[in-house]
Amino acid sequence: MKKFCKQSSLLLALAMIGSSLVLAAGEKPARPGSPENVALAAPSDPAALDAVSDTGLLSALGPIPPGPTTRPTPADIESLKKFLGQNAPNHSRVMRLAEITSDAAFWTREVQRYHAYQSTDQVFPELAKIRLKRLKYEDDLLPLVIRIRRNPARIDDIRPQIHQIVQDLENNKIEEQKWRVGQLKSMIDDSQKKLDAEEHDRDKLVEDRTNRILERARKPRAFEANRPDQSPGNDDLPPTTNPTKVK
């Protein structure tokens, strides 16, 4: 029952955003209780739920890293809310209106993903920028889906906009793949340079290591100074396994 109410609240929020977007475009809003609103607010509407909750609000930013999870702090949640307000305003509004903030599992998952994105931004800022653009494209897609849900007759009118966003998303995916291939090529080039240098200096490396081994062999450690196997005539004996400490 609780899940049913939460899904209903989320879909109602989607309907409210759709109404505001329609009004902003100068369109006549649907009457409360009309077939359009009833269809959009139906709790069995999987596509609308997928747009926000089931797939993860920040799924565009990358996967959730493996490992143990910790409950997010209020500061973590506020930081995420601010980030969403700046970069995904449509999803942020749905989240607020649907009162999804009471879902602890949701926040745990999305804060963890957000922290992973922040780490990516510090180590690979170019990759973070690519994924941030993807999040914004996904956010632009949401109101268009809502409009079609409210008025399926507008599919032909809205299709070009959705087509353009999907094209941007595909280009974004290819951009990330190119970045990954570039990173792999760079790693291979570095490894090849190290391999070439080692092959070039192979004889010198062998000679240097041989000299180090012989140098250590000529200088026994302190605890080996009084070992019986170091006495004259015992050169071929194996070293003792229980050396006595020098007092």
C-alpha atoms as a PDB file:
ATOM      1  CA  MET A   1       0.000   0.000   0.000  1.00  0.00           C
ATOM      2  CA  LYS A   2       2.857   2.346   0.880  1.00  0.00           C
ATOM      3  CA  LYS A   3       4.534   1.640  -2.463  1.00  0.00           C
ATOM      4  CA  PHE A   4       1.244   2.249  -4.263  1.00  0.00           C
ATOM      5  CA  CYS A   5       0.885   5.681  -2.612  1.00  0.00           C
ATOM      6  CA  LYS A   6       4.472   6.622  -3.415  1.00  0.00           C
ATOM      7  CA  GLN A   7       4.060   5.728  -7.098  1.00  0.00           C
ATOM      8  CA  SER A   8       0.800   7.643  -7.229  1.00  0.00           C
ATOM      9  CA  SER A   9       2.489  10.709  -5.711  1.00  0.00           C
ATOM     10  CA  LEU A  10       5.303  10.515  -8.229  1.00  0.00           C
ATOM     11  CA  LEU A  11       2.974  10.282 -11.197  1.00  0.00           C
ATOM     12  CA  LEU A  12       0.849  13.113  -9.859  1.00  0.00           C
ATOM     13  CA  ALA A  13       3.983  15.206  -9.672  1.00  0.00           C
ATOM     14  CA  LEU A  14       4.772  14.364 -13.287  1.00  0.00           C
ATOM     15  CA  ALA A  15       1.300  15.530 -14.222  1.00  0.00           C
ATOM     16  CA  MET A  16       1.820  18.838 -12.370  1.00  0.00           C
ATOM     17  CA  ILE A  17       5.085  19.476 -14.198  1.00  0.00           C
ATOM     18  CA  GLY A  18       3.437  18.619 -17.477  1.00  0.00           C
ATOM     19  CA  SER A  19       0.696  21.150 -16.756  1.00  0.00           C
ATOM     20  CA  SER A  20       3.195  23.906 -16.000  1.00  0.00           C
ATOM     21  CA  LEU A  21       5.139  23.158 -19.190  1.00  0.00           C
ATOM     22  CA  VAL A  22       1.963  23.181 -21.237  1.00  0.00           C
ATOM     23  CA  LEU A  23       0.901  26.512 -19.751  1.00  0.00           C
ATOM     24  CA  ALA A  24       4.331  27.959 -20.419  1.00  0.00           C
ATOM     25  CA  ALA A  25       3.875  27.068 -24.073  1.00  0.00           C
ATOM     26  CA  GLY A  26       0.518  28.848 -24.175  1.00  0.00           C
ATOM     27  CA  GLU A  27      -1.556  25.691 -24.392  1.00  0.00           C
ATOM     28  CA  LYS A  28      -4.880  25.116 -22.742  1.00  0.00           C
ATOM     29  CA  PRO A  29      -4.439  22.886 -19.664  1.00  0.00           C
ATOM     30  CA  ALA A  30      -6.392  19.674 -19.349  1.00  0.00           C
ATOM     31  CA  ARG A  31      -9.325  19.731 -16.944  1.00  0.00           C
ATOM     32  CA  PRO A  32      -8.761  18.051 -13.564  1.00  0.00           C
ATOM     33  CA  GLY A  33     -10.079  14.518 -13.749  1.00  0.00           C
ATOM     34  CA  SER A  34     -10.049  14.501 -17.541  1.00  0.00           C
ATOM     35  CA  PRO A  35      -8.939  11.308 -19.343  1.00  0.00           C
ATOM     36  CA  GLU A  36      -5.518  12.906 -19.986  1.00  0.00           C
ATOM     37  CA  ASN A  37      -4.812  13.498 -16.297  1.00  0.00           C
ATOM     38  CA  VAL A  38      -6.282  10.183 -15.214  1.00  0.00           C
ATOM     39  CA  ALA A  39      -4.088   8.309 -17.686  1.00  0.00           C
ATOM     40  CA  LEU A  40      -0.945  10.172 -16.562  1.00  0.00           C
ATOM     41  CA  ALA A  41      -1.644   9.691 -12.882  1.00  0.00           C
ATOM     42  CA  ALA A  42      -2.340   5.962 -13.146  1.00  0.00           C
ATOM     43  CA  PRO A  43       0.007   4.124 -10.746  1.00  0.00           C
ATOM     44  CA  SER A  44       0.498   1.393 -13.350  1.00  0.00           C
ATOM     45  CA  ASP A  45       2.313   3.791 -15.701  1.00  0.00           C
ATOM     46  CA  PRO A  46       5.788   2.150 -15.871  1.00  0.00           C
ATOM     47  CA  ALA A  47       7.356   4.528 -18.402  1.00  0.00           C
ATOM     48  CA  ALA A  48       6.888   7.594 -16.207  1.00  0.00           C
ATOM     49  CA  LEU A  49       8.297   5.780 -13.179  1.00  0.00           C
ATOM     50  CA  ASP A  50      11.281   4.570 -15.184  1.00  0.00           C
ATOM     51  CA  ALA A  51      12.059   8.170 -16.116  1.00  0.00           C
ATOM     52  CA  VAL A  52      12.796   9.147 -12.526  1.00  0.00           C
ATOM     53  CA  SER A  53      13.025   6.401  -9.951  1.00  0.00           C
ATOM     54  CA  ASP A  54      13.537   2.892 -11.326  1.00  0.00           C
ATOM     55  CA  THR A  55      16.544   3.738 -13.495  1.00  0.00           C
ATOM     56  CA  GLY A  56      18.114   6.041 -10.925  1.00  0.00           C
ATOM     57  CA  LEU A  57      17.941   9.815 -10.944  1.00  0.00           C
ATOM     58  CA  LEU A  58      21.661  10.180 -11.659  1.00  0.00           C
ATOM     59  CA  SER A  59      22.157   7.083 -13.824  1.00  0.00           C
ATOM     60  CA  ALA A  60      23.517   9.319 -16.594  1.00  0.00           C
ATOM     61  CA  LEU A  61      26.495  10.152 -14.369  1.00  0.00           C
ATOM     62  CA  GLY A  62      27.765   6.586 -14.381  1.00  0.00           C
ATOM     63  CA  PRO A  63      27.431   3.357 -12.426  1.00  0.00           C
ATOM     64  CA  ILE A  64      27.276   2.986  -8.670  1.00  0.00           C
ATOM     65  CA  PRO A  65      30.673   1.726  -7.482  1.00  0.00           C
ATOM     66  CA  PRO A  66      30.786  -1.684  -5.803  1.00  0.00           C
ATOM     67  CA  GLY A  67      31.429  -2.004  -2.105  1.00  0.00           C
ATOM     68  CA  PRO A  68      29.694  -1.348   1.211  1.00  0.00           C
ATOM     69  CA  THR A  69      27.135   1.434   1.428  1.00  0.00           C
ATOM     70  CA  THR A  70      26.732   3.996   4.183  1.00  0.00           C
ATOM     71  CA  ARG A  71      23.683   6.035   5.059  1.00  0.00           C
ATOM     72  CA  PRO A  72      24.054   9.562   3.637  1.00  0.00           C
ATOM     73  CA  THR A  73      24.299  12.499   5.992  1.00  0.00           C
ATOM     74  CA  PRO A  74      21.950  15.524   5.778  1.00  0.00           C
ATOM     75  CA  ALA A  75      24.865  17.477   4.307  1.00  0.00           C
ATOM     76  CA  ASP A  76      25.276  14.838   1.574  1.00  0.00           C
ATOM     77  CA  ILE A  77      21.600  15.084   0.671  1.00  0.00           C
ATOM     78  CA  GLU A  78      21.607  18.885   0.608  1.00  0.00           C
ATOM     79  CA  SER A  79      24.673  18.861  -1.637  1.00  0.00           C
ATOM     80  CA  LEU A  80      22.930  16.486  -4.037  1.00  0.00           C
ATOM     81  CA  LYS A  81      19.741  18.575  -4.027  1.00  0.00           C
ATOM     82  CA  LYS A  82      21.747  21.666  -4.948  1.00  0.00           C
ATOM     83  CA  PHE A  83      23.508  19.784  -7.726  1.00  0.00           C
ATOM     84  CA  LEU A  84      20.200  18.551  -9.141  1.00  0.00           C
ATOM     85  CA  GLY A  85      18.635  21.991  -8.969  1.00  0.00           C
ATOM     86  CA  GLN A  86      21.499  23.400 -11.014  1.00  0.00           C
ATOM     87  CA  ASN A  87      21.909  20.610 -13.558  1.00  0.00           C
ATOM     88  CA  ALA A  88      18.630  18.634 -13.705  1.00  0.00           C
ATOM     89  CA  PRO A  89      15.826  21.046 -12.733  1.00  0.00           C
ATOM     90  CA  ASN A  90      13.014  18.956 -14.239  1.00  0.00           C
ATOM     91  CA  HIS A  91      13.986  15.832 -12.347  1.00  0.00           C
ATOM     92  CA  SER A  92      14.595  17.904  -9.245  1.00  0.00           C
ATOM     93  CA  ARG A  93      11.058  19.274  -9.356  1.00  0.00           C
ATOM     94  CA  VAL A  94       9.552  15.813  -9.806  1.00  0.00           C
ATOM     95  CA  MET A  95      11.577  14.588  -6.856  1.00  0.00           C
ATOM     96  CA  ARG A  96      10.307  17.381  -4.608  1.00  0.00           C
ATOM     97  CA  LEU A  97       6.652  17.131  -5.638  1.00  0.00           C
ATOM     98  CA  ALA A  98       6.618  13.351  -5.319  1.00  0.00           C
ATOM     99  CA  GLU A  99       8.063  13.583  -1.804  1.00  0.00           C
ATOM    100  CA  ILE A 100      10.645  11.005  -2.787  1.00  0.00           C
ATOM    101  CA  THR A 101      12.916  12.543  -0.153  1.00  0.00           C
ATOM    102  CA  SER A 102      11.448  10.131   2.413  1.00  0.00           C
ATOM    103  CA  ASP A 103      12.869   7.129   0.570  1.00  0.00           C
ATOM    104  CA  ALA A 104      16.105   6.256   2.404  1.00  0.00           C
ATOM    105  CA  ALA A 105      17.130   3.638  -0.172  1.00  0.00           C
ATOM    106  CA  PHE A 106      16.755   6.192  -2.950  1.00  0.00           C
ATOM    107  CA  TRP A 107      19.041   8.700  -1.230  1.00  0.00           C
ATOM    108  CA  THR A 108      21.601   6.068  -0.304  1.00  0.00           C
ATOM    109  CA  ARG A 109      21.843   4.942  -3.917  1.00  0.00           C
ATOM    110  CA  GLU A 110      21.911   8.368  -5.525  1.00  0.00           C
ATOM    111  CA  VAL A 111      24.295   9.983  -3.013  1.00  0.00           C
ATOM    112  CA  GLN A 112      26.685   7.098  -3.571  1.00  0.00           C
ATOM    113  CA  ARG A 113      26.473   7.634  -7.334  1.00  0.00           C
ATOM    114  CA  TYR A 114      26.960  11.386  -6.865  1.00  0.00           C
ATOM    115  CA  HIS A 115      30.082  10.814  -4.752  1.00  0.00           C
ATOM    116  CA  ALA A 116      31.434   8.531  -7.476  1.00  0.00           C
ATOM    117  CA  TYR A 117      30.818  11.311 -10.006  1.00  0.00           C
ATOM    118  CA  GLN A 118      32.667  13.799  -7.785  1.00  0.00           C
ATOM    119  CA  SER A 119      35.632  11.429  -7.589  1.00  0.00           C
ATOM    120  CA  THR A 120      35.572  11.067 -11.371  1.00  0.00           C
ATOM    121  CA  ASP A 121      35.566  14.854 -11.707  1.00  0.00           C
ATOM    122  CA  GLN A 122      38.731  15.078  -9.621  1.00  0.00           C
ATOM    123  CA  VAL A 123      40.642  12.351 -11.472  1.00  0.00           C
ATOM    124  CA  PHE A 124      39.141  12.532 -14.985  1.00  0.00           C
ATOM    125  CA  PRO A 125      37.457  15.953 -15.401  1.00  0.00           C
ATOM    126  CA  GLU A 126      36.924  15.436 -19.131  1.00  0.00           C
ATOM    127  CA  LEU A 127      34.912  12.279 -18.498  1.00  0.00           C
ATOM    128  CA  ALA A 128      32.903  14.049 -15.794  1.00  0.00           C
ATOM    129  CA  LYS A 129      31.972  16.822 -18.251  1.00  0.00           C
ATOM    130  CA  ILE A 130      30.785  14.278 -20.799  1.00  0.00           C
ATOM    131  CA  ARG A 131      28.541  12.577 -18.230  1.00  0.00           C
ATOM    132  CA  LEU A 132      27.196  15.881 -16.947  1.00  0.00           C
ATOM    133  CA  LYS A 133      26.075  16.749 -20.472  1.00  0.00           C
ATOM    134  CA  ARG A 134      24.312  13.381 -20.606  1.00  0.00           C
ATOM    135  CA  LEU A 135      22.418  14.181 -17.416  1.00  0.00           C
ATOM    136  CA  LYS A 136      21.221  17.463 -18.904  1.00  0.00           C
ATOM    137  CA  TYR A 137      20.057  15.749 -22.090  1.00  0.00           C
ATOM    138  CA  GLU A 138      18.093  13.239 -20.011  1.00  0.00           C
ATOM    139  CA  ASP A 139      16.572  16.113 -18.060  1.00  0.00           C
ATOM    140  CA  ASP A 140      15.490  17.829 -21.291  1.00  0.00           C
ATOM    141  CA  LEU A 141      13.825  14.598 -22.386  1.00  0.00           C
ATOM    142  CA  LEU A 142      11.602  14.280 -19.321  1.00  0.00           C
ATOM    143  CA  PRO A 143       9.120  17.129 -20.022  1.00  0.00           C
ATOM    144  CA  LEU A 144       8.712  15.990 -23.629  1.00  0.00           C
ATOM    145  CA  VAL A 145       7.723  12.513 -22.465  1.00  0.00           C
ATOM    146  CA  ILE A 146       5.264  14.058 -20.032  1.00  0.00           C
ATOM    147  CA  ARG A 147       3.668  16.117 -22.795  1.00  0.00           C
ATOM    148  CA  ILE A 148       3.101  13.028 -24.907  1.00  0.00           C
ATOM    149  CA  ARG A 149       1.668  11.203 -21.910  1.00  0.00           C
ATOM    150  CA  ARG A 150      -0.801  14.030 -21.443  1.00  0.00           C
ATOM    151  CA  ASN A 151      -1.656  14.369 -25.101  1.00  0.00           C
ATOM    152  CA  PRO A 152      -0.646  11.414 -27.343  1.00  0.00           C
ATOM    153  CA  ALA A 153      -1.994  13.267 -30.363  1.00  0.00           C
ATOM    154  CA  ARG A 154       1.100  15.518 -30.166  1.00  0.00           C
ATOM    155  CA  ILE A 155       3.551  12.694 -30.857  1.00  0.00           C
ATOM    156  CA  ASP A 156       4.250  13.866 -34.402  1.00  0.00           C
ATOM    157  CA  ASP A 157       4.864  17.429 -33.207  1.00  0.00           C
ATOM    158  CA  ILE A 158       7.215  16.413 -30.404  1.00  0.00           C
ATOM    159  CA  ARG A 159       9.031  13.612 -32.207  1.00  0.00           C
ATOM    160  CA  PRO A 160      11.626  15.939 -33.875  1.00  0.00           C
ATOM    161  CA  GLN A 161      12.617  17.330 -30.458  1.00  0.00           C
ATOM    162  CA  ILE A 162      12.934  13.861 -28.947  1.00  0.00           C
ATOM    163  CA  HIS A 163      14.834  12.676 -32.013  1.00  0.00           C
ATOM    164  CA  GLN A 164      17.339  15.511 -31.597  1.00  0.00           C
ATOM    165  CA  ILE A 165      17.878  14.768 -27.896  1.00  0.00           C
ATOM    166  CA  VAL A 166      18.302  11.052 -28.594  1.00  0.00           C
ATOM    167  CA  GLN A 167      20.844  11.947 -31.253  1.00  0.00           C
ATOM    168  CA  ASP A 168      22.669  14.127 -28.718  1.00  0.00           C
ATOM    169  CA  LEU A 169      22.620  11.244 -26.243  1.00  0.00           C
ATOM    170  CA  GLU A 170      24.057   8.829 -28.795  1.00  0.00           C
ATOM    171  CA  ASN A 171      26.755  11.340 -29.745  1.00  0.00           C
ATOM    172  CA  ASN A 172      27.500  11.740 -26.058  1.00  0.00           C
ATOM    173  CA  LYS A 173      27.834   7.973 -25.643  1.00  0.00           C
ATOM    174  CA  ILE A 174      30.231   7.830 -28.597  1.00  0.00           C
ATOM    175  CA  GLU A 175      32.176  10.749 -27.136  1.00  0.00           C
ATOM    176  CA  GLU A 176      32.724   8.811 -23.904  1.00  0.00           C
ATOM    177  CA  GLN A 177      33.756   5.705 -25.823  1.00  0.00           C
ATOM    178  CA  LYS A 178      36.301   7.758 -27.782  1.00  0.00           C
ATOM    179  CA  TRP A 179      37.637   9.144 -24.520  1.00  0.00           C
ATOM    180  CA  ARG A 180      38.003   5.622 -23.120  1.00  0.00           C
ATOM    181  CA  VAL A 181      39.777   4.383 -26.254  1.00  0.00           C
ATOM    182  CA  GLY A 182      42.112   7.379 -26.051  1.00  0.00           C
ATOM    183  CA  GLN A 183      42.956   6.508 -22.442  1.00  0.00           C
ATOM    184  CA  LEU A 184      43.662   2.893 -23.408  1.00  0.00           C
ATOM    185  CA  LYS A 185      45.857   3.998 -26.314  1.00  0.00           C
ATOM    186  CA  SER A 186      47.791   6.270 -23.986  1.00  0.00           C
ATOM    187  CA  MET A 187      48.337   3.427 -21.520  1.00  0.00           C
ATOM    188  CA  ILE A 188      49.480   1.119 -24.331  1.00  0.00           C
ATOM    189  CA  ASP A 189      51.871   3.777 -25.671  1.00  0.00           C
ATOM    190  CA  ASP A 190      53.395   4.270 -22.212  1.00  0.00           C
ATOM    191  CA  SER A 191      53.752   0.518 -21.735  1.00  0.00           C
ATOM    192  CA  GLN A 192      55.355   0.158 -25.164  1.00  0.00           C
ATOM    193  CA  LYS A 193      57.885   2.886 -24.347  1.00  0.00           C
ATOM    194  CA  LYS A 194      58.832   1.127 -21.092  1.00  0.00           C
ATOM    195  CA  LEU A 195      59.137  -2.187 -22.932  1.00  0.00           C
ATOM    196  CA  ASP A 196      61.347  -0.661 -25.646  1.00  0.00           C
ATOM    197  CA  ALA A 197      63.583   0.945 -23.023  1.00  0.00           C
ATOM    198  CA  GLU A 198      63.944  -2.331 -21.107  1.00  0.00           C
ATOM    199  CA  GLU A 199      64.810  -4.261 -24.258  1.00  0.00           C
ATOM    200  CA  HIS A 200      67.327  -1.592 -25.241  1.00  0.00           C
ATOM    201  CA  ASP A 201      69.027  -1.657 -21.827  1.00  0.00           C
ATOM    202  CA  ARG A 202      68.661  -5.412 -21.250  1.00  0.00           C
ATOM    203  CA  ASP A 203      72.402  -6.201 -21.015  1.00  0.00           C
ATOM    204  CA  LYS A 204      73.031  -3.265 -18.707  1.00  0.00           C
ATOM    205  CA  LEU A 205      70.095  -4.227 -16.456  1.00  0.00           C
ATOM    206  CA  VAL A 206      71.397  -7.804 -16.188  1.00  0.00           C
ATOM    207  CA  GLU A 207      74.900  -6.579 -15.338  1.00  0.00           C
ATOM    208  CA  ASP A 208      73.651  -4.081 -12.749  1.00  0.00           C
ATOM    209  CA  ARG A 209      71.525  -6.652 -10.948  1.00  0.00           C
ATOM    210  CA  THR A 210      74.321  -9.210 -10.973  1.00  0.00           C
ATOM    211  CA  ASN A 211      76.644  -6.668  -9.350  1.00  0.00           C
ATOM    212  CA  ARG A 212      74.061  -5.820  -6.675  1.00  0.00           C
ATOM    213  CA  ILE A 213      73.611  -9.493  -5.773  1.00  0.00           C
ATOM    214  CA  LEU A 214      77.375 -10.006  -5.500  1.00  0.00           C
ATOM    215  CA  GLU A 215      77.776  -6.846  -3.450  1.00  0.00           C
ATOM    216  CA  ARG A 216      75.190  -7.987  -0.934  1.00  0.00           C
ATOM    217  CA  ALA A 217      76.783 -11.430  -0.793  1.00  0.00           C
ATOM    218  CA  ARG A 218      80.173  -9.904   0.169  1.00  0.00           C
ATOM    219  CA  LYS A 219      78.612  -7.984   3.048  1.00  0.00           C
ATOM    220  CA  PRO A 220      76.888 -10.390   5.464  1.00  0.00           C
ATOM    221  CA  ARG A 221      74.419  -8.930   7.883  1.00  0.00           C
ATOM    222  CA  ALA A 222      75.283  -8.507  11.554  1.00  0.00           C
ATOM    223  CA  PHE A 223      73.454 -11.620  12.752  1.00  0.00           C
ATOM    224  CA  GLU A 224      75.429 -13.693  10.255  1.00  0.00           C
ATOM    225  CA  ALA A 225      78.863 -12.614  11.552  1.00  0.00           C
ATOM    226  CA  ASN A 226      79.296 -15.490  14.051  1.00  0.00           C
ATOM    227  CA  ARG A 227      77.444 -18.206  12.175  1.00  0.00           C
ATOM    228  CA  PRO A 228      79.302 -21.539  12.077  1.00  0.00           C
ATOM    229  CA  ASP A 229      78.633 -21.980   8.378  1.00  0.00           C
ATOM    230  CA  GLN A 230      80.723 -18.845   7.682  1.00  0.00           C
ATOM    231  CA  SER A 231      83.923 -20.449   9.009  1.00  0.00           C
ATOM    232  CA  PRO A 232      86.685 -21.464   6.577  1.00  0.00           C
ATOM    233  CA  GLY A 233      85.986 -24.684   4.817  1.00  0.00           C
ATOM    234  CA  ASN A 234      82.212 -24.317   4.979  1.00  0.00           C
ATOM    235  CA  ASP A 235      81.751 -22.216   1.846  1.00  0.00           C
ATOM    236  CA  ASP A 236      79.560 -24.816   0.169  1.00  0.00           C
ATOM    237  CA  LEU A 237      77.183 -25.318   3.121  1.00  0.00           C
ATOM    238  CA  PRO A 238      73.645 -23.926   2.820  1.00  0.00           C
ATOM    239  CA  PRO A 239      72.878 -21.012   5.155  1.00  0.00           C
ATOM    240  CA  THR A 240      71.435 -21.875   8.540  1.00  0.00           C
ATOM    241  CA  THR A 241      67.684 -21.630   8.964  1.00  0.00           C
ATOM    242  CA  ASN A 242      67.863 -20.481  12.607  1.00  0.00           C
ATOM    243  CA  PRO A 243      70.561 -17.829  12.890  1.00  0.00           C
ATOM    244  CA  THR A 244      71.572 -16.833  16.400  1.00  0.00           C
ATOM    245  CA  LYS A 245      71.301 -13.197  17.391  1.00  0.00           C
ATOM    246  CA  VAL A 246      74.512 -11.330  18.158  1.00  0.00           C
ATOM    247  CA  LYS A 247      74.548 -10.198  21.807  1.00  0.00           C
END
